[in-house]
Amino acid sequence: MEQITPAQLADWAKGQTQRPILLDVREGWEVQTASAKIDALDLVHMPMQTIPARLDELDKSRPIACLCHHGGRSMQVAAFLAQHGFQVANVSGGIHAWSVQVDPTIPVY
């Protein structure tokens, strides 16, 4: 499983042949508390527990970077998606690391 840091995410996105998806698997209240966006990726929010039922909403031809709070839930989702034929990477450190490495205006919770 490819691990990328938030600081590496923009370069990772530029290296893809298809426009990638940033799949935020946190709960709705977490996304409202702290959220991030990169112009080179399309942000999609699907809480972790909804992924199996919503799998057909994701495009297998597009690379997916999974994001959560610290990287644990997103790693589980990335492994699940990889087992189902998706090209995935995990954003290690999650939104917390994003705040530290990329954008300190993103709240830490």
C-alpha atoms as a PDB file:
ATOM      1  CA  MET A   1       0.000   0.000   0.000  1.00  0.00           C
ATOM      2  CA  GLU A   2       1.432   3.343  -1.039  1.00  0.00           C
ATOM      3  CA  GLN A   3       1.775   5.803   1.844  1.00  0.00           C
ATOM      4  CA  ILE A   4       1.937   9.496   0.998  1.00  0.00           C
ATOM      5  CA  THR A   5       2.208  12.433   3.344  1.00  0.00           C
ATOM      6  CA  PRO A   6      -0.043  15.460   2.985  1.00  0.00           C
ATOM      7  CA  ALA A   7       3.014  17.425   1.842  1.00  0.00           C
ATOM      8  CA  GLN A   8       3.539  14.900  -0.996  1.00  0.00           C
ATOM      9  CA  LEU A   9      -0.115  14.742  -2.084  1.00  0.00           C
ATOM     10  CA  ALA A  10      -0.078  17.501  -4.721  1.00  0.00           C
ATOM     11  CA  ASP A  11       2.977  16.000  -6.448  1.00  0.00           C
ATOM     12  CA  TRP A  12       1.412  12.525  -6.243  1.00  0.00           C
ATOM     13  CA  ALA A  13      -1.737  13.869  -7.924  1.00  0.00           C
ATOM     14  CA  LYS A  14       0.270  15.473 -10.745  1.00  0.00           C
ATOM     15  CA  GLY A  15       1.942  12.124 -11.465  1.00  0.00           C
ATOM     16  CA  GLN A  16      -1.361  10.320 -12.139  1.00  0.00           C
ATOM     17  CA  THR A  17      -2.725   9.695 -15.625  1.00  0.00           C
ATOM     18  CA  GLN A  18      -6.355  10.232 -14.499  1.00  0.00           C
ATOM     19  CA  ARG A  19      -7.582  13.004 -12.216  1.00  0.00           C
ATOM     20  CA  PRO A  20      -7.413  11.504  -8.706  1.00  0.00           C
ATOM     21  CA  ILE A  21      -9.981  11.500  -5.930  1.00  0.00           C
ATOM     22  CA  LEU A  22      -9.284  12.546  -2.352  1.00  0.00           C
ATOM     23  CA  LEU A  23     -11.630  10.232  -0.459  1.00  0.00           C
ATOM     24  CA  ASP A  24     -12.333  11.631   3.001  1.00  0.00           C
ATOM     25  CA  VAL A  25     -13.629   8.741   5.127  1.00  0.00           C
ATOM     26  CA  ARG A  26     -14.212  10.725   8.332  1.00  0.00           C
ATOM     27  CA  GLU A  27     -17.598  11.394   9.906  1.00  0.00           C
ATOM     28  CA  GLY A  28     -19.588  14.441   8.848  1.00  0.00           C
ATOM     29  CA  TRP A  29     -18.878  16.362  12.051  1.00  0.00           C
ATOM     30  CA  GLU A  30     -15.140  15.818  11.508  1.00  0.00           C
ATOM     31  CA  VAL A  31     -15.289  17.205   7.974  1.00  0.00           C
ATOM     32  CA  GLN A  32     -17.178  20.244   9.297  1.00  0.00           C
ATOM     33  CA  THR A  33     -14.516  20.702  11.997  1.00  0.00           C
ATOM     34  CA  ALA A  34     -11.479  20.473   9.711  1.00  0.00           C
ATOM     35  CA  SER A  35     -11.338  20.035   5.967  1.00  0.00           C
ATOM     36  CA  ALA A  36      -8.742  20.393   3.233  1.00  0.00           C
ATOM     37  CA  LYS A  37      -8.784  20.626  -0.534  1.00  0.00           C
ATOM     38  CA  ILE A  38      -6.181  20.374  -3.274  1.00  0.00           C
ATOM     39  CA  ASP A  39      -7.043  21.736  -6.698  1.00  0.00           C
ATOM     40  CA  ALA A  40      -5.504  18.696  -8.430  1.00  0.00           C
ATOM     41  CA  LEU A  41      -7.891  16.232  -6.721  1.00  0.00           C
ATOM     42  CA  ASP A  42     -11.668  15.904  -6.529  1.00  0.00           C
ATOM     43  CA  LEU A  43     -12.811  15.739  -2.914  1.00  0.00           C
ATOM     44  CA  VAL A  44     -15.352  13.010  -2.141  1.00  0.00           C
ATOM     45  CA  HIS A  45     -16.737  12.486   1.362  1.00  0.00           C
ATOM     46  CA  MET A  46     -17.863   8.962   2.293  1.00  0.00           C
ATOM     47  CA  PRO A  47     -17.774   8.011   5.960  1.00  0.00           C
ATOM     48  CA  MET A  48     -15.900   4.750   6.489  1.00  0.00           C
ATOM     49  CA  GLN A  49     -18.953   2.669   7.389  1.00  0.00           C
ATOM     50  CA  THR A  50     -20.745   3.682   4.164  1.00  0.00           C
ATOM     51  CA  ILE A  51     -17.989   2.552   1.774  1.00  0.00           C
ATOM     52  CA  PRO A  52     -19.161  -1.052   1.167  1.00  0.00           C
ATOM     53  CA  ALA A  53     -22.702   0.055   0.275  1.00  0.00           C
ATOM     54  CA  ARG A  54     -21.468   2.945  -1.878  1.00  0.00           C
ATOM     55  CA  LEU A  55     -18.592   1.154  -3.640  1.00  0.00           C
ATOM     56  CA  ASP A  56     -20.245   1.477  -7.053  1.00  0.00           C
ATOM     57  CA  GLU A  57     -20.118   5.292  -6.724  1.00  0.00           C
ATOM     58  CA  LEU A  58     -16.311   5.194  -7.055  1.00  0.00           C
ATOM     59  CA  ASP A  59     -14.591   5.036 -10.447  1.00  0.00           C
ATOM     60  CA  LYS A  60     -11.971   2.265 -10.669  1.00  0.00           C
ATOM     61  CA  SER A  61     -10.180   4.106 -13.471  1.00  0.00           C
ATOM     62  CA  ARG A  62      -9.270   6.997 -11.162  1.00  0.00           C
ATOM     63  CA  PRO A  63      -6.588   6.809  -8.467  1.00  0.00           C
ATOM     64  CA  ILE A  64      -7.849   7.392  -4.927  1.00  0.00           C
ATOM     65  CA  ALA A  65      -6.024   8.883  -1.951  1.00  0.00           C
ATOM     66  CA  CYS A  66      -7.789   8.015   1.302  1.00  0.00           C
ATOM     67  CA  LEU A  67      -7.848  10.536   4.171  1.00  0.00           C
ATOM     68  CA  CYS A  68      -9.051  10.409   7.773  1.00  0.00           C
ATOM     69  CA  HIS A  69      -8.047  12.006  11.099  1.00  0.00           C
ATOM     70  CA  HIS A  70      -4.674  10.314  11.743  1.00  0.00           C
ATOM     71  CA  GLY A  71      -4.419   7.684   8.975  1.00  0.00           C
ATOM     72  CA  GLY A  72      -5.834   4.538  10.615  1.00  0.00           C
ATOM     73  CA  ARG A  73      -9.349   4.463   9.183  1.00  0.00           C
ATOM     74  CA  SER A  74      -8.115   5.600   5.782  1.00  0.00           C
ATOM     75  CA  MET A  75      -5.567   2.764   5.770  1.00  0.00           C
ATOM     76  CA  GLN A  76      -8.356   0.244   6.386  1.00  0.00           C
ATOM     77  CA  VAL A  77     -10.475   1.760   3.616  1.00  0.00           C
ATOM     78  CA  ALA A  78      -7.488   1.845   1.235  1.00  0.00           C
ATOM     79  CA  ALA A  79      -6.838  -1.860   1.873  1.00  0.00           C
ATOM     80  CA  PHE A  80     -10.534  -2.650   1.281  1.00  0.00           C
ATOM     81  CA  LEU A  81     -10.558  -0.661  -1.968  1.00  0.00           C
ATOM     82  CA  ALA A  82      -7.319  -2.300  -3.147  1.00  0.00           C
ATOM     83  CA  GLN A  83      -8.935  -5.723  -2.600  1.00  0.00           C
ATOM     84  CA  HIS A  84     -11.743  -4.556  -4.898  1.00  0.00           C
ATOM     85  CA  GLY A  85      -9.438  -3.506  -7.711  1.00  0.00           C
ATOM     86  CA  PHE A  86      -8.956   0.192  -7.031  1.00  0.00           C
ATOM     87  CA  GLN A  87      -5.630   2.025  -7.340  1.00  0.00           C
ATOM     88  CA  VAL A  88      -5.246   3.581  -3.890  1.00  0.00           C
ATOM     89  CA  ALA A  89      -2.854   5.370  -1.593  1.00  0.00           C
ATOM     90  CA  ASN A  90      -3.190   6.242   2.071  1.00  0.00           C
ATOM     91  CA  VAL A  91      -2.583   9.797   3.288  1.00  0.00           C
ATOM     92  CA  SER A  92      -0.398   9.011   6.294  1.00  0.00           C
ATOM     93  CA  GLY A  93      -1.028  11.172   9.318  1.00  0.00           C
ATOM     94  CA  GLY A  94      -4.420  12.273   8.006  1.00  0.00           C
ATOM     95  CA  ILE A  95      -5.920  15.733   8.376  1.00  0.00           C
ATOM     96  CA  HIS A  96      -3.894  16.254  11.558  1.00  0.00           C
ATOM     97  CA  ALA A  97      -0.631  15.929   9.615  1.00  0.00           C
ATOM     98  CA  TRP A  98      -2.121  18.121   6.882  1.00  0.00           C
ATOM     99  CA  SER A  99      -2.536  20.910   9.405  1.00  0.00           C
ATOM    100  CA  VAL A 100       1.067  20.462  10.582  1.00  0.00           C
ATOM    101  CA  GLN A 101       2.744  19.974   7.179  1.00  0.00           C
ATOM    102  CA  VAL A 102       0.665  21.925   4.666  1.00  0.00           C
ATOM    103  CA  ASP A 103      -1.889  24.338   6.098  1.00  0.00           C
ATOM    104  CA  PRO A 104      -1.726  25.468   9.746  1.00  0.00           C
ATOM    105  CA  THR A 105      -5.111  27.231   9.375  1.00  0.00           C
ATOM    106  CA  ILE A 106      -6.798  23.806   9.383  1.00  0.00           C
ATOM    107  CA  PRO A 107      -7.982  23.183  12.949  1.00  0.00           C
ATOM    108  CA  VAL A 108      -6.432  20.364  14.944  1.00  0.00           C
ATOM    109  CA  TYR A 109      -8.974  18.311  16.894  1.00  0.00           C
END
